[in-house]
Amino acid sequence: MITEPMHVSDETYEKAVLQSTLPVIVDFWAPWCGPCKMVGPLLDDIAKDYAGKLVVAKVNTDENSERAVSYNVQTIPTLLFIKNGEILKRHSGSLSYAALREMVDSFLAI
């Protein structure tokens, strides 16, 4: 059971995210991004709290821009909520843990 976010590259994205049997939250982020640093610990908690129910994947856009470009990610952090390879929700910018949890719960209910 995965209890922490996994780092995904352009090369591993398809297998880790699109072919995942569990729903996935993909975090497009960069190390220099202030709001990303605020969202990161929240996603660490989500990965622990929802272990076995979903996977949190992190894509560093400085090192792996291909997927960010293909999904038209223009601001970071951008979270994509993906189930069975399909984007069901999208959120850009920072948010509170309560708001993120609410988003995750509604995503898992779809």
PDB file of N, CA and C in Angstrom:
ATOM      1  N   MET A   1       0.849  -1.182   0.000  1.00  0.00           N
ATOM      2  CA  MET A   1       0.000   0.000   0.000  1.00  0.00           C
ATOM      3  C   MET A   1       0.895   1.247   0.000  1.00  0.00           C
ATOM      4  N   ILE A   2       0.606   2.150  -0.899  1.00  0.00           N
ATOM      5  CA  ILE A   2       1.411   3.371  -1.032  1.00  0.00           C
ATOM      6  C   ILE A   2       0.877   4.425  -0.062  1.00  0.00           C
ATOM      7  N   THR A   3       1.745   4.905   0.842  1.00  0.00           N
ATOM      8  CA  THR A   3       1.312   5.860   1.861  1.00  0.00           C
ATOM      9  C   THR A   3       1.961   7.233   1.714  1.00  0.00           C
ATOM     10  N   GLU A   4       2.681   7.431   0.611  1.00  0.00           N
ATOM     11  CA  GLU A   4       3.271   8.749   0.359  1.00  0.00           C
ATOM     12  C   GLU A   4       3.242   9.032  -1.135  1.00  0.00           C
ATOM     13  N   PRO A   5       3.320  10.307  -1.505  1.00  0.00           N
ATOM     14  CA  PRO A   5       3.298  10.644  -2.934  1.00  0.00           C
ATOM     15  C   PRO A   5       4.465  10.005  -3.677  1.00  0.00           C
ATOM     16  N   MET A   6       4.190   9.568  -4.901  1.00  0.00           N
ATOM     17  CA  MET A   6       5.281   9.026  -5.720  1.00  0.00           C
ATOM     18  C   MET A   6       5.646  10.049  -6.777  1.00  0.00           C
ATOM     19  N   HIS A   7       6.942  10.125  -7.052  1.00  0.00           N
ATOM     20  CA  HIS A   7       7.420  11.066  -8.061  1.00  0.00           C
ATOM     21  C   HIS A   7       7.376  10.371  -9.421  1.00  0.00           C
ATOM     22  N   VAL A   8       6.741  11.043 -10.359  1.00  0.00           N
ATOM     23  CA  VAL A   8       6.490  10.471 -11.676  1.00  0.00           C
ATOM     24  C   VAL A   8       7.155  11.352 -12.731  1.00  0.00           C
ATOM     25  N   SER A   9       7.767  10.707 -13.710  1.00  0.00           N
ATOM     26  CA  SER A   9       8.401  11.439 -14.817  1.00  0.00           C
ATOM     27  C   SER A   9       7.532  11.310 -16.068  1.00  0.00           C
ATOM     28  N   ASP A  10       7.909  12.040 -17.107  1.00  0.00           N
ATOM     29  CA  ASP A  10       7.189  11.905 -18.378  1.00  0.00           C
ATOM     30  C   ASP A  10       7.217  10.455 -18.856  1.00  0.00           C
ATOM     31  N   GLU A  11       8.349   9.775 -18.611  1.00  0.00           N
ATOM     32  CA  GLU A  11       8.516   8.389 -19.080  1.00  0.00           C
ATOM     33  C   GLU A  11       7.654   7.402 -18.291  1.00  0.00           C
ATOM     34  N   THR A  12       7.457   7.642 -16.995  1.00  0.00           N
ATOM     35  CA  THR A  12       6.715   6.685 -16.155  1.00  0.00           C
ATOM     36  C   THR A  12       5.246   7.069 -15.979  1.00  0.00           C
ATOM     37  N   TYR A  13       4.846   8.202 -16.526  1.00  0.00           N
ATOM     38  CA  TYR A  13       3.500   8.744 -16.313  1.00  0.00           C
ATOM     39  C   TYR A  13       2.405   7.784 -16.759  1.00  0.00           C
ATOM     40  N   GLU A  14       2.530   7.277 -17.967  1.00  0.00           N
ATOM     41  CA  GLU A  14       1.449   6.425 -18.495  1.00  0.00           C
ATOM     42  C   GLU A  14       1.180   5.233 -17.589  1.00  0.00           C
ATOM     43  N   LYS A  15       2.241   4.516 -17.211  1.00  0.00           N
ATOM     44  CA  LYS A  15       2.069   3.331 -16.368  1.00  0.00           C
ATOM     45  C   LYS A  15       1.596   3.716 -14.966  1.00  0.00           C
ATOM     46  N   ALA A  16       2.222   4.729 -14.367  1.00  0.00           N
ATOM     47  CA  ALA A  16       1.912   5.098 -12.978  1.00  0.00           C
ATOM     48  C   ALA A  16       0.549   5.754 -12.826  1.00  0.00           C
ATOM     49  N   VAL A  17       0.137   6.544 -13.805  1.00  0.00           N
ATOM     50  CA  VAL A  17      -1.099   7.325 -13.672  1.00  0.00           C
ATOM     51  C   VAL A  17      -2.224   6.772 -14.542  1.00  0.00           C
ATOM     52  N   LEU A  18      -2.003   6.729 -15.840  1.00  0.00           N
ATOM     53  CA  LEU A  18      -3.084   6.371 -16.759  1.00  0.00           C
ATOM     54  C   LEU A  18      -3.495   4.909 -16.650  1.00  0.00           C
ATOM     55  N   GLN A  19      -2.551   4.037 -16.260  1.00  0.00           N
ATOM     56  CA  GLN A  19      -2.869   2.615 -16.133  1.00  0.00           C
ATOM     57  C   GLN A  19      -3.098   2.187 -14.687  1.00  0.00           C
ATOM     58  N   SER A  20      -3.136   3.136 -13.766  1.00  0.00           N
ATOM     59  CA  SER A  20      -3.338   2.815 -12.356  1.00  0.00           C
ATOM     60  C   SER A  20      -4.712   2.200 -12.133  1.00  0.00           C
ATOM     61  N   THR A  21      -4.766   1.178 -11.288  1.00  0.00           N
ATOM     62  CA  THR A  21      -6.050   0.564 -10.938  1.00  0.00           C
ATOM     63  C   THR A  21      -6.775   1.393  -9.879  1.00  0.00           C
ATOM     64  N   LEU A  22      -6.029   2.267  -9.191  1.00  0.00           N
ATOM     65  CA  LEU A  22      -6.622   3.162  -8.207  1.00  0.00           C
ATOM     66  C   LEU A  22      -6.766   4.568  -8.814  1.00  0.00           C
ATOM     67  N   PRO A  23      -7.711   5.358  -8.326  1.00  0.00           N
ATOM     68  CA  PRO A  23      -7.777   6.761  -8.749  1.00  0.00           C
ATOM     69  C   PRO A  23      -6.468   7.467  -8.376  1.00  0.00           C
ATOM     70  N   VAL A  24      -6.112   8.484  -9.143  1.00  0.00           N
ATOM     71  CA  VAL A  24      -4.833   9.185  -8.936  1.00  0.00           C
ATOM     72  C   VAL A  24      -5.065  10.694  -8.871  1.00  0.00           C
ATOM     73  N   ILE A  25      -4.389  11.339  -7.920  1.00  0.00           N
ATOM     74  CA  ILE A  25      -4.305  12.797  -7.900  1.00  0.00           C
ATOM     75  C   ILE A  25      -2.904  13.129  -8.389  1.00  0.00           C
ATOM     76  N   VAL A  26      -2.824  13.867  -9.484  1.00  0.00           N
ATOM     77  CA  VAL A  26      -1.527  14.263 -10.031  1.00  0.00           C
ATOM     78  C   VAL A  26      -1.276  15.718  -9.656  1.00  0.00           C
ATOM     79  N   ASP A  27      -0.144  15.956  -9.020  1.00  0.00           N
ATOM     80  CA  ASP A  27       0.258  17.305  -8.615  1.00  0.00           C
ATOM     81  C   ASP A  27       1.363  17.790  -9.546  1.00  0.00           C
ATOM     82  N   PHE A  28       1.043  18.766 -10.391  1.00  0.00           N
ATOM     83  CA  PHE A  28       2.072  19.406 -11.222  1.00  0.00           C
ATOM     84  C   PHE A  28       2.636  20.555 -10.394  1.00  0.00           C
ATOM     85  N   TRP A  29       3.935  20.502 -10.103  1.00  0.00           N
ATOM     86  CA  TRP A  29       4.565  21.433  -9.174  1.00  0.00           C
ATOM     87  C   TRP A  29       5.983  21.749  -9.624  1.00  0.00           C
ATOM     88  N   ALA A  30       6.633  22.690  -8.920  1.00  0.00           N
ATOM     89  CA  ALA A  30       8.049  22.996  -9.130  1.00  0.00           C
ATOM     90  C   ALA A  30       8.658  23.381  -7.774  1.00  0.00           C
ATOM     91  N   PRO A  31       9.960  23.098  -7.586  1.00  0.00           N
ATOM     92  CA  PRO A  31      10.596  23.353  -6.292  1.00  0.00           C
ATOM     93  C   PRO A  31      10.614  24.823  -5.871  1.00  0.00           C
ATOM     94  N   TRP A  32      10.587  25.754  -6.812  1.00  0.00           N
ATOM     95  CA  TRP A  32      10.662  27.188  -6.514  1.00  0.00           C
ATOM     96  C   TRP A  32       9.297  27.815  -6.229  1.00  0.00           C
ATOM     97  N   CYS A  33       8.231  27.061  -6.410  1.00  0.00           N
ATOM     98  CA  CYS A  33       6.859  27.566  -6.339  1.00  0.00           C
ATOM     99  C   CYS A  33       6.348  27.609  -4.896  1.00  0.00           C
ATOM    100  N   GLY A  34       6.065  28.827  -4.396  1.00  0.00           N
ATOM    101  CA  GLY A  34       5.573  28.996  -3.035  1.00  0.00           C
ATOM    102  C   GLY A  34       4.270  28.258  -2.742  1.00  0.00           C
ATOM    103  N   PRO A  35       3.222  28.465  -3.559  1.00  0.00           N
ATOM    104  CA  PRO A  35       1.974  27.736  -3.317  1.00  0.00           C
ATOM    105  C   PRO A  35       2.154  26.212  -3.382  1.00  0.00           C
ATOM    106  N   CYS A  36       3.086  25.742  -4.223  1.00  0.00           N
ATOM    107  CA  CYS A  36       3.353  24.301  -4.314  1.00  0.00           C
ATOM    108  C   CYS A  36       3.881  23.787  -2.975  1.00  0.00           C
ATOM    109  N   LYS A  37       4.717  24.601  -2.314  1.00  0.00           N
ATOM    110  CA  LYS A  37       5.276  24.211  -1.014  1.00  0.00           C
ATOM    111  C   LYS A  37       4.188  24.148   0.051  1.00  0.00           C
ATOM    112  N   MET A  38       3.123  24.916  -0.129  1.00  0.00           N
ATOM    113  CA  MET A  38       2.004  24.874   0.813  1.00  0.00           C
ATOM    114  C   MET A  38       1.123  23.640   0.559  1.00  0.00           C
ATOM    115  N   VAL A  39       0.934  23.283  -0.690  1.00  0.00           N
ATOM    116  CA  VAL A  39       0.069  22.157  -1.052  1.00  0.00           C
ATOM    117  C   VAL A  39       0.775  20.818  -0.811  1.00  0.00           C
ATOM    118  N   GLY A  40       2.092  20.782  -0.972  1.00  0.00           N
ATOM    119  CA  GLY A  40       2.853  19.535  -0.825  1.00  0.00           C
ATOM    120  C   GLY A  40       2.565  18.760   0.451  1.00  0.00           C
ATOM    121  N   PRO A  41       2.672  19.390   1.636  1.00  0.00           N
ATOM    122  CA  PRO A  41       2.393  18.667   2.880  1.00  0.00           C
ATOM    123  C   PRO A  41       0.946  18.184   2.992  1.00  0.00           C
ATOM    124  N   LEU A  42       0.014  18.934   2.388  1.00  0.00           N
ATOM    125  CA  LEU A  42      -1.388  18.505   2.391  1.00  0.00           C
ATOM    126  C   LEU A  42      -1.542  17.212   1.598  1.00  0.00           C
ATOM    127  N   LEU A  43      -0.825  17.122   0.474  1.00  0.00           N
ATOM    128  CA  LEU A  43      -0.889  15.907  -0.346  1.00  0.00           C
ATOM    129  C   LEU A  43      -0.188  14.738   0.345  1.00  0.00           C
ATOM    130  N   ASP A  44       0.855  15.040   1.132  1.00  0.00           N
ATOM    131  CA  ASP A  44       1.487  13.984   1.936  1.00  0.00           C
ATOM    132  C   ASP A  44       0.447  13.375   2.880  1.00  0.00           C
ATOM    133  N   ASP A  45      -0.344  14.245   3.528  1.00  0.00           N
ATOM    134  CA  ASP A  45      -1.383  13.778   4.448  1.00  0.00           C
ATOM    135  C   ASP A  45      -2.477  13.006   3.712  1.00  0.00           C
ATOM    136  N   ILE A  46      -2.875  13.495   2.546  1.00  0.00           N
ATOM    137  CA  ILE A  46      -3.901  12.801   1.747  1.00  0.00           C
ATOM    138  C   ILE A  46      -3.406  11.407   1.366  1.00  0.00           C
ATOM    139  N   ALA A  47      -2.138  11.306   0.961  1.00  0.00           N
ATOM    140  CA  ALA A  47      -1.574  10.005   0.579  1.00  0.00           C
ATOM    141  C   ALA A  47      -1.651   9.017   1.748  1.00  0.00           C
ATOM    142  N   LYS A  48      -1.382   9.501   2.951  1.00  0.00           N
ATOM    143  CA  LYS A  48      -1.456   8.641   4.152  1.00  0.00           C
ATOM    144  C   LYS A  48      -2.907   8.320   4.492  1.00  0.00           C
ATOM    145  N   ASP A  49      -3.748   9.362   4.545  1.00  0.00           N
ATOM    146  CA  ASP A  49      -5.140   9.190   4.974  1.00  0.00           C
ATOM    147  C   ASP A  49      -5.971   8.327   4.022  1.00  0.00           C
ATOM    148  N   TYR A  50      -5.624   8.361   2.745  1.00  0.00           N
ATOM    149  CA  TYR A  50      -6.405   7.629   1.736  1.00  0.00           C
ATOM    150  C   TYR A  50      -5.618   6.460   1.129  1.00  0.00           C
ATOM    151  N   ALA A  51      -4.590   6.008   1.829  1.00  0.00           N
ATOM    152  CA  ALA A  51      -3.777   4.888   1.328  1.00  0.00           C
ATOM    153  C   ALA A  51      -4.683   3.692   1.033  1.00  0.00           C
ATOM    154  N   GLY A  52      -4.472   3.082  -0.132  1.00  0.00           N
ATOM    155  CA  GLY A  52      -5.291   1.954  -0.551  1.00  0.00           C
ATOM    156  C   GLY A  52      -6.536   2.369  -1.322  1.00  0.00           C
ATOM    157  N   LYS A  53      -6.884   3.669  -1.250  1.00  0.00           N
ATOM    158  CA  LYS A  53      -8.065   4.174  -1.962  1.00  0.00           C
ATOM    159  C   LYS A  53      -7.680   5.013  -3.170  1.00  0.00           C
ATOM    160  N   LEU A  54      -6.510   5.667  -3.075  1.00  0.00           N
ATOM    161  CA  LEU A  54      -6.021   6.464  -4.198  1.00  0.00           C
ATOM    162  C   LEU A  54      -4.516   6.587  -4.110  1.00  0.00           C
ATOM    163  N   VAL A  55      -3.935   7.119  -5.183  1.00  0.00           N
ATOM    164  CA  VAL A  55      -2.494   7.343  -5.271  1.00  0.00           C
ATOM    165  C   VAL A  55      -2.272   8.833  -5.523  1.00  0.00           C
ATOM    166  N   VAL A  56      -1.254   9.394  -4.874  1.00  0.00           N
ATOM    167  CA  VAL A  56      -0.853  10.767  -5.142  1.00  0.00           C
ATOM    168  C   VAL A  56       0.442  10.713  -5.949  1.00  0.00           C
ATOM    169  N   ALA A  57       0.423  11.323  -7.128  1.00  0.00           N
ATOM    170  CA  ALA A  57       1.596  11.350  -8.007  1.00  0.00           C
ATOM    171  C   ALA A  57       2.036  12.799  -8.175  1.00  0.00           C
ATOM    172  N   LYS A  58       3.348  13.032  -8.090  1.00  0.00           N
ATOM    173  CA  LYS A  58       3.887  14.384  -8.226  1.00  0.00           C
ATOM    174  C   LYS A  58       4.743  14.462  -9.486  1.00  0.00           C
ATOM    175  N   VAL A  59       4.486  15.486 -10.297  1.00  0.00           N
ATOM    176  CA  VAL A  59       5.256  15.702 -11.522  1.00  0.00           C
ATOM    177  C   VAL A  59       5.954  17.057 -11.400  1.00  0.00           C
ATOM    178  N   ASN A  60       7.280  17.030 -11.322  1.00  0.00           N
ATOM    179  CA  ASN A  60       8.084  18.254 -11.265  1.00  0.00           C
ATOM    180  C   ASN A  60       8.122  18.837 -12.680  1.00  0.00           C
ATOM    181  N   THR A  61       7.442  19.965 -12.870  1.00  0.00           N
ATOM    182  CA  THR A  61       7.318  20.530 -14.214  1.00  0.00           C
ATOM    183  C   THR A  61       8.641  21.098 -14.744  1.00  0.00           C
ATOM    184  N   ASP A  62       9.590  21.395 -13.854  1.00  0.00           N
ATOM    185  CA  ASP A  62      10.907  21.853 -14.317  1.00  0.00           C
ATOM    186  C   ASP A  62      11.663  20.723 -15.004  1.00  0.00           C
ATOM    187  N   GLU A  63      11.468  19.500 -14.509  1.00  0.00           N
ATOM    188  CA  GLU A  63      12.184  18.345 -15.056  1.00  0.00           C
ATOM    189  C   GLU A  63      11.353  17.559 -16.066  1.00  0.00           C
ATOM    190  N   ASN A  64      10.039  17.646 -15.963  1.00  0.00           N
ATOM    191  CA  ASN A  64       9.134  16.863 -16.816  1.00  0.00           C
ATOM    192  C   ASN A  64       7.993  17.746 -17.294  1.00  0.00           C
ATOM    193  N   SER A  65       8.210  18.418 -18.416  1.00  0.00           N
ATOM    194  CA  SER A  65       7.210  19.383 -18.885  1.00  0.00           C
ATOM    195  C   SER A  65       6.237  18.800 -19.912  1.00  0.00           C
ATOM    196  N   GLU A  66       6.559  17.643 -20.466  1.00  0.00           N
ATOM    197  CA  GLU A  66       5.764  17.079 -21.562  1.00  0.00           C
ATOM    198  C   GLU A  66       4.284  16.911 -21.186  1.00  0.00           C
ATOM    199  N   ARG A  67       4.010  16.270 -20.058  1.00  0.00           N
ATOM    200  CA  ARG A  67       2.616  16.045 -19.639  1.00  0.00           C
ATOM    201  C   ARG A  67       1.933  17.352 -19.263  1.00  0.00           C
ATOM    202  N   ALA A  68       2.662  18.241 -18.603  1.00  0.00           N
ATOM    203  CA  ALA A  68       2.084  19.529 -18.223  1.00  0.00           C
ATOM    204  C   ALA A  68       1.628  20.281 -19.472  1.00  0.00           C
ATOM    205  N   VAL A  69       2.449  20.264 -20.506  1.00  0.00           N
ATOM    206  CA  VAL A  69       2.103  20.932 -21.762  1.00  0.00           C
ATOM    207  C   VAL A  69       0.891  20.243 -22.405  1.00  0.00           C
ATOM    208  N   SER A  70       0.888  18.917 -22.417  1.00  0.00           N
ATOM    209  CA  SER A  70      -0.210  18.194 -23.077  1.00  0.00           C
ATOM    210  C   SER A  70      -1.546  18.411 -22.354  1.00  0.00           C
ATOM    211  N   TYR A  71      -1.508  18.671 -21.038  1.00  0.00           N
ATOM    212  CA  TYR A  71      -2.728  18.941 -20.269  1.00  0.00           C
ATOM    213  C   TYR A  71      -3.006  20.442 -20.134  1.00  0.00           C
ATOM    214  N   ASN A  72      -2.213  21.258 -20.835  1.00  0.00           N
ATOM    215  CA  ASN A  72      -2.393  22.710 -20.813  1.00  0.00           C
ATOM    216  C   ASN A  72      -2.317  23.277 -19.389  1.00  0.00           C
ATOM    217  N   VAL A  73      -1.356  22.771 -18.610  1.00  0.00           N
ATOM    218  CA  VAL A  73      -1.125  23.276 -17.258  1.00  0.00           C
ATOM    219  C   VAL A  73      -0.369  24.596 -17.390  1.00  0.00           C
ATOM    220  N   GLN A  74      -1.019  25.690 -17.012  1.00  0.00           N
ATOM    221  CA  GLN A  74      -0.407  27.005 -17.160  1.00  0.00           C
ATOM    222  C   GLN A  74      -0.024  27.633 -15.833  1.00  0.00           C
ATOM    223  N   THR A  75      -0.603  27.148 -14.747  1.00  0.00           N
ATOM    224  CA  THR A  75      -0.228  27.616 -13.417  1.00  0.00           C
ATOM    225  C   THR A  75       0.053  26.406 -12.547  1.00  0.00           C
ATOM    226  N   ILE A  76       0.937  26.609 -11.575  1.00  0.00           N
ATOM    227  CA  ILE A  76       1.217  25.524 -10.637  1.00  0.00           C
ATOM    228  C   ILE A  76       1.029  26.053  -9.221  1.00  0.00           C
ATOM    229  N   PRO A  77       0.614  25.223  -8.291  1.00  0.00           N
ATOM    230  CA  PRO A  77       0.302  23.820  -8.521  1.00  0.00           C
ATOM    231  C   PRO A  77      -1.026  23.650  -9.269  1.00  0.00           C
ATOM    232  N   THR A  78      -1.079  22.629 -10.087  1.00  0.00           N
ATOM    233  CA  THR A  78      -2.328  22.182 -10.698  1.00  0.00           C
ATOM    234  C   THR A  78      -2.512  20.724 -10.308  1.00  0.00           C
ATOM    235  N   LEU A  79      -3.680  20.415  -9.792  1.00  0.00           N
ATOM    236  CA  LEU A  79      -4.013  19.042  -9.420  1.00  0.00           C
ATOM    237  C   LEU A  79      -4.998  18.488 -10.441  1.00  0.00           C
ATOM    238  N   LEU A  80      -4.690  17.305 -10.957  1.00  0.00           N
ATOM    239  CA  LEU A  80      -5.618  16.596 -11.832  1.00  0.00           C
ATOM    240  C   LEU A  80      -6.103  15.363 -11.090  1.00  0.00           C
ATOM    241  N   PHE A  81      -7.388  15.139 -11.116  1.00  0.00           N
ATOM    242  CA  PHE A  81      -7.991  13.984 -10.460  1.00  0.00           C
ATOM    243  C   PHE A  81      -8.371  13.001 -11.570  1.00  0.00           C
ATOM    244  N   ILE A  82      -7.636  11.893 -11.639  1.00  0.00           N
ATOM    245  CA  ILE A  82      -7.751  10.975 -12.774  1.00  0.00           C
ATOM    246  C   ILE A  82      -8.203   9.594 -12.312  1.00  0.00           C
ATOM    247  N   LYS A  83      -9.221   9.091 -12.992  1.00  0.00           N
ATOM    248  CA  LYS A  83      -9.716   7.740 -12.715  1.00  0.00           C
ATOM    249  C   LYS A  83      -9.848   7.030 -14.059  1.00  0.00           C
ATOM    250  N   ASN A  84      -9.299   5.832 -14.145  1.00  0.00           N
ATOM    251  CA  ASN A  84      -9.325   5.044 -15.381  1.00  0.00           C
ATOM    252  C   ASN A  84      -8.766   5.832 -16.567  1.00  0.00           C
ATOM    253  N   GLY A  85      -7.711   6.615 -16.311  1.00  0.00           N
ATOM    254  CA  GLY A  85      -7.048   7.361 -17.372  1.00  0.00           C
ATOM    255  C   GLY A  85      -7.758   8.631 -17.804  1.00  0.00           C
ATOM    256  N   GLU A  86      -8.867   8.963 -17.151  1.00  0.00           N
ATOM    257  CA  GLU A  86      -9.676  10.123 -17.550  1.00  0.00           C
ATOM    258  C   GLU A  86      -9.654  11.197 -16.465  1.00  0.00           C
ATOM    259  N   ILE A  87      -9.457  12.458 -16.857  1.00  0.00           N
ATOM    260  CA  ILE A  87      -9.469  13.569 -15.904  1.00  0.00           C
ATOM    261  C   ILE A  87     -10.919  13.868 -15.532  1.00  0.00           C
ATOM    262  N   LEU A  88     -11.232  13.729 -14.244  1.00  0.00           N
ATOM    263  CA  LEU A  88     -12.589  13.985 -13.775  1.00  0.00           C
ATOM    264  C   LEU A  88     -12.710  15.328 -13.068  1.00  0.00           C
ATOM    265  N   LYS A  89     -11.605  15.825 -12.506  1.00  0.00           N
ATOM    266  CA  LYS A  89     -11.585  17.122 -11.820  1.00  0.00           C
ATOM    267  C   LYS A  89     -10.229  17.753 -12.037  1.00  0.00           C
ATOM    268  N   ARG A  90     -10.201  19.073 -11.862  1.00  0.00           N
ATOM    269  CA  ARG A  90      -8.948  19.825 -12.019  1.00  0.00           C
ATOM    270  C   ARG A  90      -8.999  21.006 -11.060  1.00  0.00           C
ATOM    271  N   HIS A  91      -7.879  21.291 -10.410  1.00  0.00           N
ATOM    272  CA  HIS A  91      -7.803  22.440  -9.509  1.00  0.00           C
ATOM    273  C   HIS A  91      -6.435  23.088  -9.654  1.00  0.00           C
ATOM    274  N   SER A  92      -6.415  24.413  -9.773  1.00  0.00           N
ATOM    275  CA  SER A  92      -5.149  25.154  -9.832  1.00  0.00           C
ATOM    276  C   SER A  92      -5.055  26.082  -8.636  1.00  0.00           C
ATOM    277  N   GLY A  93      -3.845  26.202  -8.090  1.00  0.00           N
ATOM    278  CA  GLY A  93      -3.601  27.092  -6.960  1.00  0.00           C
ATOM    279  C   GLY A  93      -3.621  26.357  -5.636  1.00  0.00           C
ATOM    280  N   SER A  94      -3.355  27.124  -4.577  1.00  0.00           N
ATOM    281  CA  SER A  94      -3.328  26.505  -3.258  1.00  0.00           C
ATOM    282  C   SER A  94      -4.743  26.388  -2.708  1.00  0.00           C
ATOM    283  N   LEU A  95      -4.882  25.601  -1.651  1.00  0.00           N
ATOM    284  CA  LEU A  95      -6.176  25.402  -1.012  1.00  0.00           C
ATOM    285  C   LEU A  95      -5.944  24.873   0.391  1.00  0.00           C
ATOM    286  N   SER A  96      -6.974  24.898   1.213  1.00  0.00           N
ATOM    287  CA  SER A  96      -6.854  24.395   2.583  1.00  0.00           C
ATOM    288  C   SER A  96      -6.973  22.878   2.587  1.00  0.00           C
ATOM    289  N   TYR A  97      -6.557  22.275   3.697  1.00  0.00           N
ATOM    290  CA  TYR A  97      -6.678  20.820   3.810  1.00  0.00           C
ATOM    291  C   TYR A  97      -8.147  20.411   3.764  1.00  0.00           C
ATOM    292  N   ALA A  98      -9.010  21.178   4.426  1.00  0.00           N
ATOM    293  CA  ALA A  98     -10.445  20.855   4.432  1.00  0.00           C
ATOM    294  C   ALA A  98     -11.014  20.889   3.017  1.00  0.00           C
ATOM    295  N   ALA A  99     -10.635  21.908   2.240  1.00  0.00           N
ATOM    296  CA  ALA A  99     -11.129  22.011   0.859  1.00  0.00           C
ATOM    297  C   ALA A  99     -10.591  20.861   0.008  1.00  0.00           C
ATOM    298  N   LEU A 100      -9.325  20.510   0.207  1.00  0.00           N
ATOM    299  CA  LEU A 100      -8.733  19.409  -0.548  1.00  0.00           C
ATOM    300  C   LEU A 100      -9.420  18.097  -0.198  1.00  0.00           C
ATOM    301  N   ARG A 101      -9.653  17.873   1.079  1.00  0.00           N
ATOM    302  CA  ARG A 101     -10.321  16.643   1.521  1.00  0.00           C
ATOM    303  C   ARG A 101     -11.722  16.534   0.928  1.00  0.00           C
ATOM    304  N   GLU A 102     -12.426  17.645   0.904  1.00  0.00           N
ATOM    305  CA  GLU A 102     -13.773  17.674   0.317  1.00  0.00           C
ATOM    306  C   GLU A 102     -13.710  17.326  -1.173  1.00  0.00           C
ATOM    307  N   MET A 103     -12.708  17.888  -1.845  1.00  0.00           N
ATOM    308  CA  MET A 103     -12.506  17.613  -3.271  1.00  0.00           C
ATOM    309  C   MET A 103     -12.203  16.122  -3.500  1.00  0.00           C
ATOM    310  N   VAL A 104     -11.339  15.577  -2.656  1.00  0.00           N
ATOM    311  CA  VAL A 104     -10.955  14.166  -2.768  1.00  0.00           C
ATOM    312  C   VAL A 104     -12.174  13.270  -2.523  1.00  0.00           C
ATOM    313  N   ASP A 105     -12.944  13.569  -1.485  1.00  0.00           N
ATOM    314  CA  ASP A 105     -14.127  12.757  -1.188  1.00  0.00           C
ATOM    315  C   ASP A 105     -15.127  12.772  -2.344  1.00  0.00           C
ATOM    316  N   SER A 106     -15.366  13.948  -2.936  1.00  0.00           N
ATOM    317  CA  SER A 106     -16.312  14.011  -4.052  1.00  0.00           C
ATOM    318  C   SER A 106     -15.751  13.295  -5.282  1.00  0.00           C
ATOM    319  N   PHE A 107     -14.423  13.366  -5.474  1.00  0.00           N
ATOM    320  CA  PHE A 107     -13.765  12.668  -6.578  1.00  0.00           C
ATOM    321  C   PHE A 107     -13.920  11.154  -6.419  1.00  0.00           C
ATOM    322  N   LEU A 108     -13.694  10.654  -5.215  1.00  0.00           N
ATOM    323  CA  LEU A 108     -13.795   9.210  -4.987  1.00  0.00           C
ATOM    324  C   LEU A 108     -15.240   8.714  -5.111  1.00  0.00           C
ATOM    325  N   ALA A 109     -16.194   9.601  -4.921  1.00  0.00           N
ATOM    326  CA  ALA A 109     -17.620   9.228  -5.015  1.00  0.00           C
ATOM    327  C   ALA A 109     -18.109   9.128  -6.453  1.00  0.00           C
ATOM    328  N   ILE A 110     -17.316   9.631  -7.394  1.00  0.00           N
ATOM    329  CA  ILE A 110     -17.731   9.613  -8.817  1.00  0.00           C
ATOM    330  C   ILE A 110     -17.629   8.198  -9.348  1.00  0.00           C
TER     331      ILE A 110
END
